Amino acid sequence: MGKLTHRIRRSLATKLSLGIVLMAVPVFVISVGLLFVQSLYNLKEETEGRAASTLKTMELRKAAFVSTVETATNSSDWLIKECMQPELLLELTRRIVMLNANVNGCSITLEPDVLPQAGRYFSAYSVRAGDSVTTVRKGSYDSYAKIWYRTPKKTGQACWVGTSYCKPFYDDNGKLLGVIATELSAKRLAETVDEEKAYADSKIKIGHYYRLAGLILILILLGLLLILLFTRKIVDYAIRPLRDLLEQTQRMAEGDYSQQIAYTVKGDVVSRLQDSFARMQASLNKHVSDIQNMNEEMSRRNDELAQARKLVEASVNQKTAFVQDVSHQIRTPLNIIMGFSQVLCDSDNDLSAREVKQLTTLMDRNTKLLNRMMMMLLDSSDLGLSEEMKSQKEELVQVNRIARECISNVYAQFPDSRIAYATSLSDQFSLRTNKTYLIYSLRELIYNAAKYSDGQHIILRVVKFGKMVRFVVEDKGPGIDYAYRKQMFVPFTKVNSLSEGLGLGLPLTKRHAQNLGGDLMLDTSYIEGCRMILELPV
């Protein structure tokens, strides 16, 4: 016994063999136990997961069937009122069944004497028969005593009665016209559920065997890796410093100085070599870091200069475009005024009183247009903003009176336009706000409506909305293009550079509304033209 022990101690191979055996036995014992436990656990988890998934899928499909039937019924409510003819109602039930595969039948039953031309009683019924749909009219059939008719009629609401979704429908005066009942295809629903169950049953156990084989393979590989690691552990520990130095020098050769070589506390040759490389790397890192910092600073300053140059160029271009646009917009009315003034001053022109009036009217209109542009430019400046912020916002202003004044002012610019006014407020109703900016904002909205629409269907509505008063300006015309809506409140933004105006009307109106505690918004649900809403606090 003593000789055997002595031999084992002196033989490295024997010691390694005994170590491998002692390590392998527990590994394989534990692996077999884990294999059985994991297989049972996987089978349970997979079975429960498949069952839950199948149940959820069937519930979702059932909900989809029910939603299809309800949607088909609800979406046909308004069509029934439009199709109050016997032939149209029969065709409507037929279309509901044909266009919805989940619908087995549809019935529209009217109250007595609703369709005198069809007799006292009328009921249209369509039912699916295989790939075809049969539609009949049931005149003497006693539908009124059926629960699917009595229940929605009594409650006045849509409801499910068995497999039928029943909904009463009424005329515009709230009078009951009848009941529409759509029957769910129970056969198709059952087939869908059976397909789902068959799919789930066919795949419930397949994944378990694949996982089991994979687990066995992983355990075998894990045992081999542990054996290899055990035999190489001592050698790896001995040469680890040299391997680390090799990796560090390779990274340094590639230009990566980010990872520092660690210092050691040992005194052997390998450790001293490692410390020498660490000091060399620290020195190199310092010089490389200084160079990188200088390069980054130069790059940052170059980027700042390039960005500043772009901003200057953009500012110059914007200034040039603005000056050209303003010059164009001002030159047109000035030319008109100067030309007509020359005509009036020319003594040789024998103008009638009517012609003189027309010329003076055009001159007055262009003078007002020129004055409007000048006021916009002043209002958009820093001085205009400062005056607006310091202005009195507690003036008592009669709403209806201001609205009518603004309409009259726009009539002076567009005498051929038609502007209607509707209000739900009394003439004594007043707001505490700034009269000047309210008149400007409201007049600008009406002016735009008259200018950019057909001018014949403009309406101003004034209503109280909670603690706010809404001025709604609506017209019929091309409206505001969708691509322009995001930019319409940005100053000096126009649909195109050749269009009339400075691009300041809506931005200034929105700014005034916000400074008065309200807001200006576009009603995107209105598609017949443009509908702007000016909202101010009471």
Protein backbone atom coordinates (compact mmCIF):
# COMPACT_ATOMS: atom_id res chain seq x y z
CA MET A 1 0.00 0.00 0.00
CA GLY A 2 2.85 2.33 0.84
CA LYS A 3 4.66 1.57 -2.44
CA LEU A 4 1.48 2.35 -4.44
CA THR A 5 1.03 5.65 -2.67
CA HIS A 6 4.67 6.60 -3.26
CA ARG A 7 4.38 5.76 -6.97
CA ILE A 8 1.29 7.88 -7.38
CA ARG A 9 2.95 10.85 -5.77
CA ARG A 10 6.00 10.63 -8.07
CA SER A 11 4.04 9.97 -11.31
CA LEU A 12 2.46 13.06 -12.85
CA ALA A 13 0.55 10.96 -15.37
CA THR A 14 -0.97 8.84 -12.63
CA LYS A 15 -1.99 11.86 -10.64
CA LEU A 16 -3.57 13.45 -13.70
CA SER A 17 -5.41 10.20 -14.52
CA LEU A 18 -6.80 9.87 -11.02
CA GLY A 19 -7.82 13.51 -11.08
CA ILE A 20 -9.61 13.08 -14.40
CA VAL A 21 -11.47 10.00 -13.15
CA LEU A 22 -12.47 11.66 -9.91
CA MET A 23 -13.77 14.68 -11.89
CA ALA A 24 -15.51 12.69 -14.64
CA VAL A 25 -17.56 10.42 -12.36
CA PRO A 26 -19.43 13.23 -10.57
CA VAL A 27 -19.91 15.05 -13.88
CA PHE A 28 -21.61 12.13 -15.58
CA VAL A 29 -23.69 11.21 -12.52
CA ILE A 30 -24.92 14.78 -12.21
CA SER A 31 -25.46 14.93 -15.99
CA VAL A 32 -27.75 11.89 -16.01
CA GLY A 33 -29.77 13.24 -13.11
CA LEU A 34 -30.10 16.65 -14.72
CA LEU A 35 -31.07 14.99 -17.99
CA PHE A 36 -34.11 13.28 -16.48
CA VAL A 37 -35.14 16.28 -14.40
CA GLN A 38 -34.73 18.66 -17.30
CA SER A 39 -36.62 16.39 -19.69
CA LEU A 40 -39.60 16.18 -17.36
CA TYR A 41 -39.51 19.89 -16.77
CA ASN A 42 -39.27 20.64 -20.51
CA LEU A 43 -42.19 18.32 -21.26
CA LYS A 44 -44.36 20.01 -18.65
CA GLU A 45 -43.43 23.54 -19.74
CA GLU A 46 -43.94 22.77 -23.42
CA THR A 47 -47.30 21.12 -22.83
CA GLU A 48 -48.56 24.03 -20.73
CA GLY A 49 -47.18 26.58 -23.18
CA ARG A 50 -48.78 24.88 -26.19
CA ALA A 51 -52.10 24.62 -24.39
CA ALA A 52 -52.05 28.26 -23.34
CA SER A 53 -51.02 29.38 -26.83
CA THR A 54 -53.75 27.30 -28.47
CA LEU A 55 -56.38 28.62 -26.06
CA LYS A 56 -55.30 32.22 -26.64
CA THR A 57 -55.30 31.73 -30.42
CA MET A 58 -58.82 30.26 -30.33
CA GLU A 59 -60.01 33.18 -28.18
CA LEU A 60 -58.49 35.67 -30.61
CA ARG A 61 -60.09 33.94 -33.61
CA LYS A 62 -63.42 33.86 -31.83
CA ALA A 63 -63.09 37.56 -31.06
CA ALA A 64 -62.22 38.20 -34.71
CA PHE A 65 -65.34 36.30 -35.84
CA VAL A 66 -67.52 38.29 -33.43
CA SER A 67 -65.86 41.58 -34.44
CA THR A 68 -66.44 40.80 -38.14
CA VAL A 69 -70.14 40.22 -37.57
CA GLU A 70 -70.53 43.33 -35.41
CA THR A 71 -68.62 45.49 -37.90
CA ALA A 72 -70.65 44.20 -40.85
CA THR A 73 -73.87 44.99 -38.96
CA ASN A 74 -72.85 48.40 -37.57
CA SER A 75 -71.41 49.61 -40.86
CA SER A 76 -74.69 48.81 -42.64
CA ASP A 77 -76.85 50.88 -40.27
CA TRP A 78 -76.71 54.06 -42.33
CA LEU A 79 -77.11 52.14 -45.60
CA ILE A 80 -80.48 50.81 -44.45
CA LYS A 81 -81.85 54.35 -44.17
CA GLU A 82 -80.58 55.11 -47.68
CA CYS A 83 -82.01 51.87 -49.11
CA MET A 84 -85.61 51.94 -47.86
CA GLN A 85 -86.88 50.07 -50.90
CA PRO A 86 -87.81 46.35 -50.92
CA GLU A 87 -85.37 45.42 -53.69
CA LEU A 88 -82.53 47.43 -52.16
CA LEU A 89 -83.04 45.91 -48.71
CA LEU A 90 -83.02 42.40 -50.20
CA GLU A 91 -79.80 43.21 -52.07
CA LEU A 92 -78.26 44.71 -48.92
CA THR A 93 -78.79 41.51 -46.89
CA ARG A 94 -77.37 39.50 -49.77
CA ARG A 95 -74.24 41.68 -49.93
CA ILE A 96 -73.64 41.46 -46.20
CA VAL A 97 -73.66 37.64 -46.38
CA MET A 98 -71.59 37.42 -49.58
CA LEU A 99 -68.88 39.89 -48.49
CA ASN A 100 -68.37 38.39 -45.03
CA ALA A 101 -67.30 34.75 -44.91
CA ASN A 102 -67.94 34.62 -41.16
CA VAL A 103 -71.62 35.55 -41.62
CA ASN A 104 -74.12 32.70 -42.17
CA GLY A 105 -77.26 34.78 -42.62
CA CYS A 106 -78.66 38.31 -42.38
CA SER A 107 -82.21 39.54 -41.79
CA ILE A 108 -83.67 43.06 -41.99
CA THR A 109 -87.16 43.18 -40.49
CA LEU A 110 -89.16 46.42 -40.59
CA GLU A 111 -91.87 47.59 -38.25
CA PRO A 112 -95.43 47.30 -39.60
CA ASP A 113 -96.42 49.86 -42.24
CA VAL A 114 -92.89 51.30 -42.59
CA LEU A 115 -92.93 50.42 -46.33
CA PRO A 116 -96.55 50.79 -47.46
CA GLN A 117 -95.62 49.82 -51.03
CA ALA A 118 -94.39 46.45 -49.73
CA GLY A 119 -97.43 45.70 -47.62
CA ARG A 120 -97.93 45.86 -43.90
CA TYR A 121 -95.12 43.45 -43.03
CA PHE A 122 -91.73 43.22 -44.63
CA SER A 123 -88.67 41.13 -43.80
CA ALA A 124 -85.64 40.55 -46.08
CA TYR A 125 -83.58 37.44 -45.33
CA SER A 126 -80.42 36.03 -46.93
CA VAL A 127 -78.75 32.76 -45.91
CA ARG A 128 -75.54 31.04 -47.02
CA ALA A 129 -76.00 27.60 -48.60
CA GLY A 130 -72.60 26.18 -49.49
CA ASP A 131 -70.95 28.54 -51.95
CA SER A 132 -74.18 30.32 -52.85
CA VAL A 133 -76.45 32.81 -51.04
CA THR A 134 -80.25 32.55 -51.08
CA THR A 135 -82.30 35.72 -50.57
CA VAL A 136 -86.03 35.67 -49.83
CA ARG A 137 -88.71 38.01 -48.62
CA LYS A 138 -90.72 36.87 -45.64
CA GLY A 139 -94.00 38.70 -45.49
CA SER A 140 -96.27 36.74 -43.18
CA TYR A 141 -93.47 35.26 -41.06
CA ASP A 142 -94.03 36.21 -37.40
CA SER A 143 -90.63 37.81 -36.73
CA TYR A 144 -91.96 40.25 -34.16
CA ALA A 145 -92.50 37.54 -31.56
CA LYS A 146 -88.96 36.19 -31.87
CA ILE A 147 -86.49 36.92 -29.12
CA TRP A 148 -83.92 38.22 -31.59
CA TYR A 149 -86.42 40.96 -32.55
CA ARG A 150 -88.01 41.65 -29.16
CA THR A 151 -84.75 41.99 -27.21
CA PRO A 152 -83.06 44.84 -29.16
CA LYS A 153 -86.43 46.52 -29.64
CA LYS A 154 -87.01 46.52 -25.91
CA THR A 155 -83.52 47.62 -24.86
CA GLY A 156 -82.96 49.99 -27.77
CA GLN A 157 -79.39 48.75 -28.10
CA ALA A 158 -77.44 46.22 -30.15
CA CYS A 159 -76.99 42.84 -28.46
CA TRP A 160 -76.12 39.18 -29.06
CA VAL A 161 -78.98 36.71 -29.05
CA GLY A 162 -77.54 33.24 -29.39
CA THR A 163 -75.31 33.31 -32.48
CA SER A 164 -77.03 36.40 -33.95
CA TYR A 165 -75.97 40.01 -33.49
CA CYS A 166 -79.14 42.13 -33.45
CA LYS A 167 -79.30 45.91 -33.69
CA PRO A 168 -82.32 48.27 -33.91
CA PHE A 169 -82.19 51.16 -36.36
CA TYR A 170 -84.10 54.44 -36.26
CA ASP A 171 -84.95 57.31 -38.54
CA ASP A 172 -83.66 60.85 -38.06
CA ASN A 173 -86.51 61.58 -35.59
CA GLY A 174 -85.62 58.65 -33.37
CA LYS A 175 -88.51 56.46 -34.50
CA LEU A 176 -87.83 52.72 -34.62
CA LEU A 177 -87.76 51.46 -38.20
CA GLY A 178 -86.84 47.84 -37.56
CA VAL A 179 -84.12 45.42 -36.54
CA ILE A 180 -81.16 44.02 -38.45
CA ALA A 181 -79.91 40.61 -37.30
CA THR A 182 -76.66 39.04 -38.54
CA GLU A 183 -76.02 35.38 -37.78
CA LEU A 184 -72.50 34.16 -36.99
CA SER A 185 -71.37 31.11 -38.98
CA ALA A 186 -71.03 28.59 -36.16
CA LYS A 187 -69.89 25.87 -38.58
CA ARG A 188 -67.01 27.97 -39.85
CA LEU A 189 -66.01 28.93 -36.31
CA ALA A 190 -66.01 25.26 -35.25
CA GLU A 191 -63.85 24.33 -38.26
CA THR A 192 -61.34 27.03 -37.36
CA VAL A 193 -61.16 25.82 -33.76
CA ASP A 194 -60.71 22.20 -34.90
CA GLU A 195 -57.87 23.20 -37.21
CA GLU A 196 -56.10 24.96 -34.37
CA LYS A 197 -56.46 21.97 -32.07
CA ALA A 198 -55.17 19.59 -34.74
CA TYR A 199 -52.17 21.82 -35.32
CA ALA A 200 -51.37 21.98 -31.64
CA ASP A 201 -51.77 18.21 -31.12
CA SER A 202 -49.44 17.42 -34.03
CA LYS A 203 -46.54 19.40 -32.60
CA ILE A 204 -46.88 19.07 -28.84
CA LYS A 205 -44.02 16.58 -28.30
CA ILE A 206 -41.62 17.16 -31.18
CA GLY A 207 -39.56 19.90 -29.55
CA HIS A 208 -38.89 17.82 -26.42
CA TYR A 209 -36.78 15.22 -28.21
CA TYR A 210 -34.68 17.84 -29.99
CA ARG A 211 -33.99 19.59 -26.71
CA LEU A 212 -33.09 16.27 -25.08
CA ALA A 213 -30.54 15.44 -27.78
CA GLY A 214 -29.11 18.94 -27.59
CA LEU A 215 -28.79 18.71 -23.82
CA ILE A 216 -26.88 15.39 -24.06
CA LEU A 217 -24.52 16.90 -26.64
CA ILE A 218 -23.92 19.96 -24.47
CA LEU A 219 -23.12 17.79 -21.43
CA ILE A 220 -20.62 15.67 -23.40
CA LEU A 221 -18.89 18.75 -24.76
CA LEU A 222 -18.87 20.30 -21.31
CA GLY A 223 -17.11 17.23 -19.86
CA LEU A 224 -14.48 17.28 -22.59
CA LEU A 225 -13.84 20.97 -22.10
CA LEU A 226 -13.44 20.51 -18.36
CA ILE A 227 -10.90 17.73 -18.92
CA LEU A 228 -8.91 19.84 -21.37
CA LEU A 229 -9.01 22.83 -19.08
CA PHE A 230 -7.82 20.74 -16.13
CA THR A 231 -4.77 19.41 -18.01
CA ARG A 232 -3.78 22.81 -19.39
CA LYS A 233 -4.38 24.83 -16.29
CA ILE A 234 -0.84 24.57 -14.91
CA VAL A 235 0.86 25.38 -18.23
CA ASP A 236 -1.48 28.30 -18.85
CA TYR A 237 -0.75 29.67 -15.40
CA ALA A 238 2.99 29.48 -16.00
CA ILE A 239 3.04 31.27 -19.36
CA ARG A 240 0.17 33.72 -18.69
CA PRO A 241 2.46 36.79 -18.19
CA LEU A 242 4.24 36.15 -21.51
CA ARG A 243 0.92 35.68 -23.34
CA ASP A 244 -0.42 38.93 -21.86
CA LEU A 245 2.72 40.78 -22.97
CA LEU A 246 2.37 39.36 -26.48
CA GLU A 247 -1.23 40.53 -26.74
CA GLN A 248 -0.39 43.99 -25.41
CA THR A 249 2.52 44.46 -27.80
CA GLN A 250 0.37 43.35 -30.75
CA ARG A 251 -2.30 45.93 -29.83
CA MET A 252 0.38 48.58 -29.45
CA ALA A 253 1.75 47.67 -32.89
CA GLU A 254 -1.76 48.21 -34.30
CA GLY A 255 -2.00 51.62 -32.62
CA ASP A 256 -4.19 50.69 -29.63
CA TYR A 257 -2.72 52.13 -26.41
CA SER A 258 -5.96 52.15 -24.41
CA GLN A 259 -5.30 49.07 -22.22
CA GLN A 260 -2.53 49.51 -19.69
CA ILE A 261 -0.05 46.70 -18.94
CA ALA A 262 -0.32 45.80 -15.26
CA TYR A 263 2.63 46.10 -12.89
CA THR A 264 3.66 43.02 -10.86
CA VAL A 265 5.03 42.47 -7.34
CA LYS A 266 7.09 39.41 -8.22
CA GLY A 267 10.86 39.54 -8.74
CA ASP A 268 11.43 36.92 -11.40
CA VAL A 269 12.68 37.62 -14.92
CA VAL A 270 9.25 37.48 -16.52
CA SER A 271 7.80 39.91 -13.97
CA ARG A 272 10.67 42.41 -14.45
CA LEU A 273 10.16 42.21 -18.21
CA GLN A 274 6.46 42.94 -17.74
CA ASP A 275 7.21 45.98 -15.52
CA SER A 276 9.63 47.33 -18.13
CA PHE A 277 6.96 47.06 -20.85
CA ALA A 278 4.44 48.77 -18.54
CA ARG A 279 6.73 51.82 -18.06
CA MET A 280 7.37 52.00 -21.80
CA GLN A 281 3.66 51.89 -22.55
CA ALA A 282 2.88 54.65 -20.00
CA SER A 283 5.39 56.93 -21.71
CA LEU A 284 4.00 56.19 -25.15
CA ASN A 285 0.43 56.73 -23.95
CA LYS A 286 1.29 60.18 -22.65
CA HIS A 287 2.77 61.34 -25.96
CA VAL A 288 -0.01 59.75 -28.04
CA SER A 289 -2.66 61.31 -25.79
CA ASP A 290 -1.16 64.77 -26.25
CA ILE A 291 -1.16 64.36 -30.03
CA GLN A 292 -4.76 63.08 -30.05
CA ASN A 293 -5.93 66.00 -27.92
CA MET A 294 -4.33 68.45 -30.31
CA ASN A 295 -5.95 66.76 -33.30
CA GLU A 296 -9.37 66.70 -31.62
CA GLU A 297 -9.10 70.39 -30.73
CA MET A 298 -8.18 71.29 -34.30
CA SER A 299 -11.00 69.15 -35.67
CA ARG A 300 -13.51 70.74 -33.28
CA ARG A 301 -12.45 74.26 -34.25
CA ASN A 302 -12.61 73.39 -37.95
CA ASP A 303 -16.14 72.05 -37.47
CA GLU A 304 -17.16 75.21 -35.62
CA LEU A 305 -15.73 77.39 -38.39
CA ALA A 306 -17.52 75.33 -41.06
CA GLN A 307 -20.81 75.54 -39.18
CA ALA A 308 -20.40 79.28 -38.65
CA ARG A 309 -19.71 79.72 -42.34
CA LYS A 310 -22.86 77.78 -43.25
CA LEU A 311 -24.92 79.91 -40.88
CA VAL A 312 -23.49 83.11 -42.35
CA GLU A 313 -24.18 81.94 -45.90
CA ALA A 314 -27.72 80.88 -44.97
CA SER A 315 -28.31 84.22 -43.25
CA VAL A 316 -27.05 86.15 -46.29
CA ASN A 317 -29.20 84.09 -48.65
CA GLN A 318 -32.25 84.49 -46.44
CA LYS A 319 -31.67 88.22 -46.16
CA THR A 320 -31.30 88.56 -49.93
CA ALA A 321 -34.45 86.50 -50.57
CA PHE A 322 -36.38 88.51 -47.99
CA VAL A 323 -35.31 91.86 -49.42
CA GLN A 324 -36.21 90.71 -52.94
CA ASP A 325 -39.61 89.41 -51.82
CA VAL A 326 -40.44 92.56 -49.84
CA SER A 327 -39.33 94.73 -52.74
CA HIS A 328 -41.53 92.78 -55.12
CA GLN A 329 -44.54 92.87 -52.80
CA ILE A 330 -44.19 96.63 -52.19
CA ARG A 331 -43.33 97.54 -55.79
CA THR A 332 -46.59 96.12 -57.19
CA PRO A 333 -49.05 98.31 -55.18
CA LEU A 334 -46.71 101.30 -55.49
CA ASN A 335 -46.64 100.99 -59.27
CA ILE A 336 -50.44 100.80 -59.32
CA ILE A 337 -50.79 103.87 -57.10
CA MET A 338 -48.19 105.85 -59.06
CA GLY A 339 -49.69 104.88 -62.40
CA PHE A 340 -53.24 105.81 -61.46
CA SER A 341 -52.00 109.03 -59.82
CA GLN A 342 -50.32 109.96 -63.11
CA VAL A 343 -53.57 109.26 -64.94
CA LEU A 344 -55.55 111.45 -62.55
CA CYS A 345 -52.98 114.26 -62.73
CA ASP A 346 -52.91 114.24 -66.51
CA SER A 347 -55.20 117.08 -67.49
CA ASP A 348 -55.57 115.77 -71.02
CA ASN A 349 -57.45 112.68 -69.85
CA ASP A 350 -61.16 113.22 -69.99
CA LEU A 351 -62.29 110.74 -67.35
CA SER A 352 -65.85 110.27 -66.28
CA ALA A 353 -66.85 110.36 -62.63
CA ARG A 354 -67.32 106.58 -62.66
CA GLU A 355 -63.82 106.00 -64.03
CA VAL A 356 -62.33 108.38 -61.48
CA LYS A 357 -64.13 106.52 -58.72
CA GLN A 358 -62.83 103.18 -60.00
CA LEU A 359 -59.27 104.52 -60.09
CA THR A 360 -59.49 106.00 -56.61
CA THR A 361 -61.00 102.77 -55.31
CA LEU A 362 -58.10 100.76 -56.75
CA MET A 363 -55.62 103.25 -55.35
CA ASP A 364 -57.25 103.08 -51.93
CA ARG A 365 -57.25 99.26 -52.00
CA ASN A 366 -53.56 99.10 -52.90
CA THR A 367 -52.76 101.78 -50.32
CA LYS A 368 -54.42 99.64 -47.66
CA LEU A 369 -52.56 96.59 -48.95
CA LEU A 370 -49.26 98.49 -48.72
CA ASN A 371 -50.12 99.73 -45.24
CA ARG A 372 -51.02 96.16 -44.20
CA MET A 373 -47.62 94.88 -45.31
CA MET A 374 -45.82 97.70 -43.49
CA MET A 375 -47.75 96.97 -40.29
CA MET A 376 -46.88 93.26 -40.62
CA LEU A 377 -43.18 94.04 -40.98
CA LEU A 378 -43.29 96.33 -37.95
CA ASP A 379 -45.30 93.78 -35.97
CA SER A 380 -42.83 90.99 -36.79
CA SER A 381 -39.84 93.02 -35.62
CA ASP A 382 -38.41 93.03 -32.11
CA LEU A 383 -40.05 96.42 -31.53
CA GLY A 384 -43.46 94.98 -32.46
CA LEU A 385 -43.00 92.01 -30.14
CA SER A 386 -41.93 94.30 -27.29
CA GLU A 387 -44.99 96.53 -27.77
CA GLU A 388 -47.24 93.44 -27.86
CA MET A 389 -45.84 92.05 -24.59
CA LYS A 390 -46.33 95.44 -22.87
CA SER A 391 -49.83 96.02 -24.28
CA GLN A 392 -52.95 96.12 -22.14
CA LYS A 393 -54.70 92.74 -22.17
CA GLU A 394 -57.61 93.61 -19.87
CA GLU A 395 -59.76 95.70 -22.23
CA LEU A 396 -63.48 94.86 -22.16
CA VAL A 397 -64.39 93.98 -25.77
CA GLN A 398 -67.88 93.08 -27.08
CA VAL A 399 -67.42 89.93 -29.14
CA ASN A 400 -70.25 90.28 -31.68
CA ARG A 401 -69.48 93.93 -32.32
CA ILE A 402 -65.81 93.26 -33.04
CA ALA A 403 -66.68 90.32 -35.31
CA ARG A 404 -69.07 92.43 -37.40
CA GLU A 405 -66.52 95.26 -37.67
CA CYS A 406 -63.91 92.83 -38.97
CA ILE A 407 -66.36 91.48 -41.56
CA SER A 408 -67.16 95.02 -42.73
CA ASN A 409 -63.46 95.78 -43.04
CA VAL A 410 -62.88 92.74 -45.25
CA TYR A 411 -65.90 93.71 -47.39
CA ALA A 412 -64.08 96.95 -48.19
CA GLN A 413 -61.22 94.89 -49.65
CA PHE A 414 -63.37 92.21 -51.27
CA PRO A 415 -66.76 93.80 -52.09
CA ASP A 416 -67.89 90.84 -54.19
CA SER A 417 -67.39 88.27 -51.45
CA ARG A 418 -70.18 86.78 -49.31
CA ILE A 419 -69.41 86.42 -45.60
CA ALA A 420 -71.99 84.94 -43.24
CA TYR A 421 -71.94 85.41 -39.47
CA ALA A 422 -73.34 83.04 -36.86
CA THR A 423 -73.05 83.46 -33.10
CA SER A 424 -74.39 81.70 -30.02
CA LEU A 425 -73.47 84.63 -27.77
CA SER A 426 -75.53 87.67 -26.88
CA ASP A 427 -74.53 91.12 -28.07
CA GLN A 428 -73.66 92.07 -24.47
CA PHE A 429 -71.13 89.22 -24.10
CA SER A 430 -67.61 90.64 -23.69
CA LEU A 431 -64.03 89.44 -23.34
CA ARG A 432 -61.19 90.88 -21.33
CA THR A 433 -58.42 91.02 -23.89
CA ASN A 434 -56.50 93.41 -26.15
CA LYS A 435 -58.86 94.92 -28.70
CA THR A 436 -56.16 95.83 -31.23
CA TYR A 437 -54.64 92.38 -31.49
CA LEU A 438 -58.03 90.66 -31.45
CA ILE A 439 -59.19 92.79 -34.39
CA TYR A 440 -55.92 92.14 -36.23
CA SER A 441 -56.08 88.37 -35.72
CA LEU A 442 -59.75 88.00 -36.64
CA ARG A 443 -59.49 90.33 -39.64
CA GLU A 444 -56.45 88.43 -40.93
CA LEU A 445 -58.30 85.11 -40.85
CA ILE A 446 -61.35 86.52 -42.68
CA TYR A 447 -59.05 88.29 -45.16
CA ASN A 448 -57.25 85.04 -46.01
CA ALA A 449 -60.57 83.22 -46.41
CA ALA A 450 -61.82 85.82 -48.86
CA LYS A 451 -58.52 85.95 -50.72
CA TYR A 452 -57.72 82.25 -51.15
CA SER A 453 -61.22 80.70 -51.49
CA ASP A 454 -64.08 81.18 -53.94
CA GLY A 455 -65.22 84.08 -51.74
CA GLN A 456 -68.85 82.97 -51.79
CA HIS A 457 -69.04 80.45 -48.93
CA ILE A 458 -67.27 82.17 -46.05
CA ILE A 459 -68.76 81.96 -42.57
CA LEU A 460 -67.59 83.26 -39.21
CA ARG A 461 -68.93 81.38 -36.18
CA VAL A 462 -68.54 82.50 -32.58
CA VAL A 463 -69.23 79.92 -29.89
CA LYS A 464 -68.34 79.43 -26.25
CA PHE A 465 -66.27 76.28 -25.66
CA GLY A 466 -65.85 75.64 -21.94
CA LYS A 467 -63.82 78.52 -20.53
CA MET A 468 -62.79 79.63 -24.02
CA VAL A 469 -64.45 81.55 -26.85
CA ARG A 470 -63.86 80.17 -30.34
CA PHE A 471 -63.85 82.26 -33.52
CA VAL A 472 -64.22 79.73 -36.36
CA VAL A 473 -63.53 81.03 -39.89
CA GLU A 474 -64.59 78.54 -42.55
CA ASP A 475 -64.51 78.67 -46.36
CA LYS A 476 -64.83 76.42 -49.36
CA GLY A 477 -61.90 76.22 -51.72
CA PRO A 478 -58.50 74.57 -52.19
CA GLY A 479 -57.66 74.78 -48.48
CA ILE A 480 -54.11 74.47 -47.15
CA ASP A 481 -51.92 71.86 -48.79
CA TYR A 482 -50.91 69.02 -46.48
CA ALA A 483 -47.19 69.44 -47.20
CA TYR A 484 -47.39 73.12 -46.17
CA ARG A 485 -49.26 72.62 -42.87
CA LYS A 486 -46.17 71.94 -40.75
CA GLN A 487 -44.57 75.20 -41.93
CA MET A 488 -47.61 77.48 -42.11
CA PHE A 489 -46.93 79.11 -38.72
CA VAL A 490 -43.21 79.73 -39.48
CA PRO A 491 -42.58 83.44 -40.28
CA PHE A 492 -41.81 84.35 -43.92
CA THR A 493 -42.91 80.90 -45.13
CA LYS A 494 -45.08 80.81 -48.26
CA VAL A 495 -46.47 78.06 -50.47
CA ASN A 496 -44.20 79.29 -53.26
CA SER A 497 -41.91 82.24 -53.72
CA LEU A 498 -44.12 83.79 -56.41
CA SER A 499 -47.30 83.89 -54.32
CA GLU A 500 -48.61 87.21 -53.03
CA GLY A 501 -47.88 88.18 -49.43
CA LEU A 502 -44.98 88.12 -46.98
CA GLY A 503 -45.71 84.87 -45.19
CA LEU A 504 -46.47 86.70 -41.92
CA GLY A 505 -50.27 86.58 -41.62
CA LEU A 506 -50.78 83.25 -39.88
CA PRO A 507 -47.52 83.35 -37.81
CA LEU A 508 -48.38 86.77 -36.38
CA THR A 509 -51.99 85.74 -35.75
CA LYS A 510 -50.84 82.66 -33.82
CA ARG A 511 -48.35 84.73 -31.83
CA HIS A 512 -51.04 87.27 -30.91
CA ALA A 513 -53.44 84.49 -29.87
CA GLN A 514 -50.82 82.84 -27.64
CA ASN A 515 -49.85 86.15 -26.03
CA LEU A 516 -53.54 86.72 -25.27
CA GLY A 517 -53.73 83.36 -23.52
CA GLY A 518 -55.28 81.39 -26.38
CA ASP A 519 -54.16 79.70 -29.57
CA LEU A 520 -54.73 79.43 -33.33
CA MET A 521 -55.18 76.01 -34.92
CA LEU A 522 -56.21 74.38 -38.20
CA ASP A 523 -59.14 71.97 -38.18
CA THR A 524 -57.65 69.06 -40.17
CA SER A 525 -60.96 67.17 -40.16
CA TYR A 526 -62.54 69.74 -42.50
CA ILE A 527 -61.84 68.79 -46.14
CA GLU A 528 -64.10 71.11 -48.17
CA GLY A 529 -61.73 74.05 -47.82
CA CYS A 530 -60.04 75.66 -44.83
CA ARG A 531 -61.32 76.02 -41.27
CA MET A 532 -59.20 78.08 -38.84
CA ILE A 533 -60.05 78.22 -35.11
CA LEU A 534 -59.01 81.23 -33.01
CA GLU A 535 -59.42 80.39 -29.32
CA LEU A 536 -59.27 82.99 -26.52
CA PRO A 537 -59.97 82.71 -22.78
CA VAL A 538 -63.20 84.16 -21.39
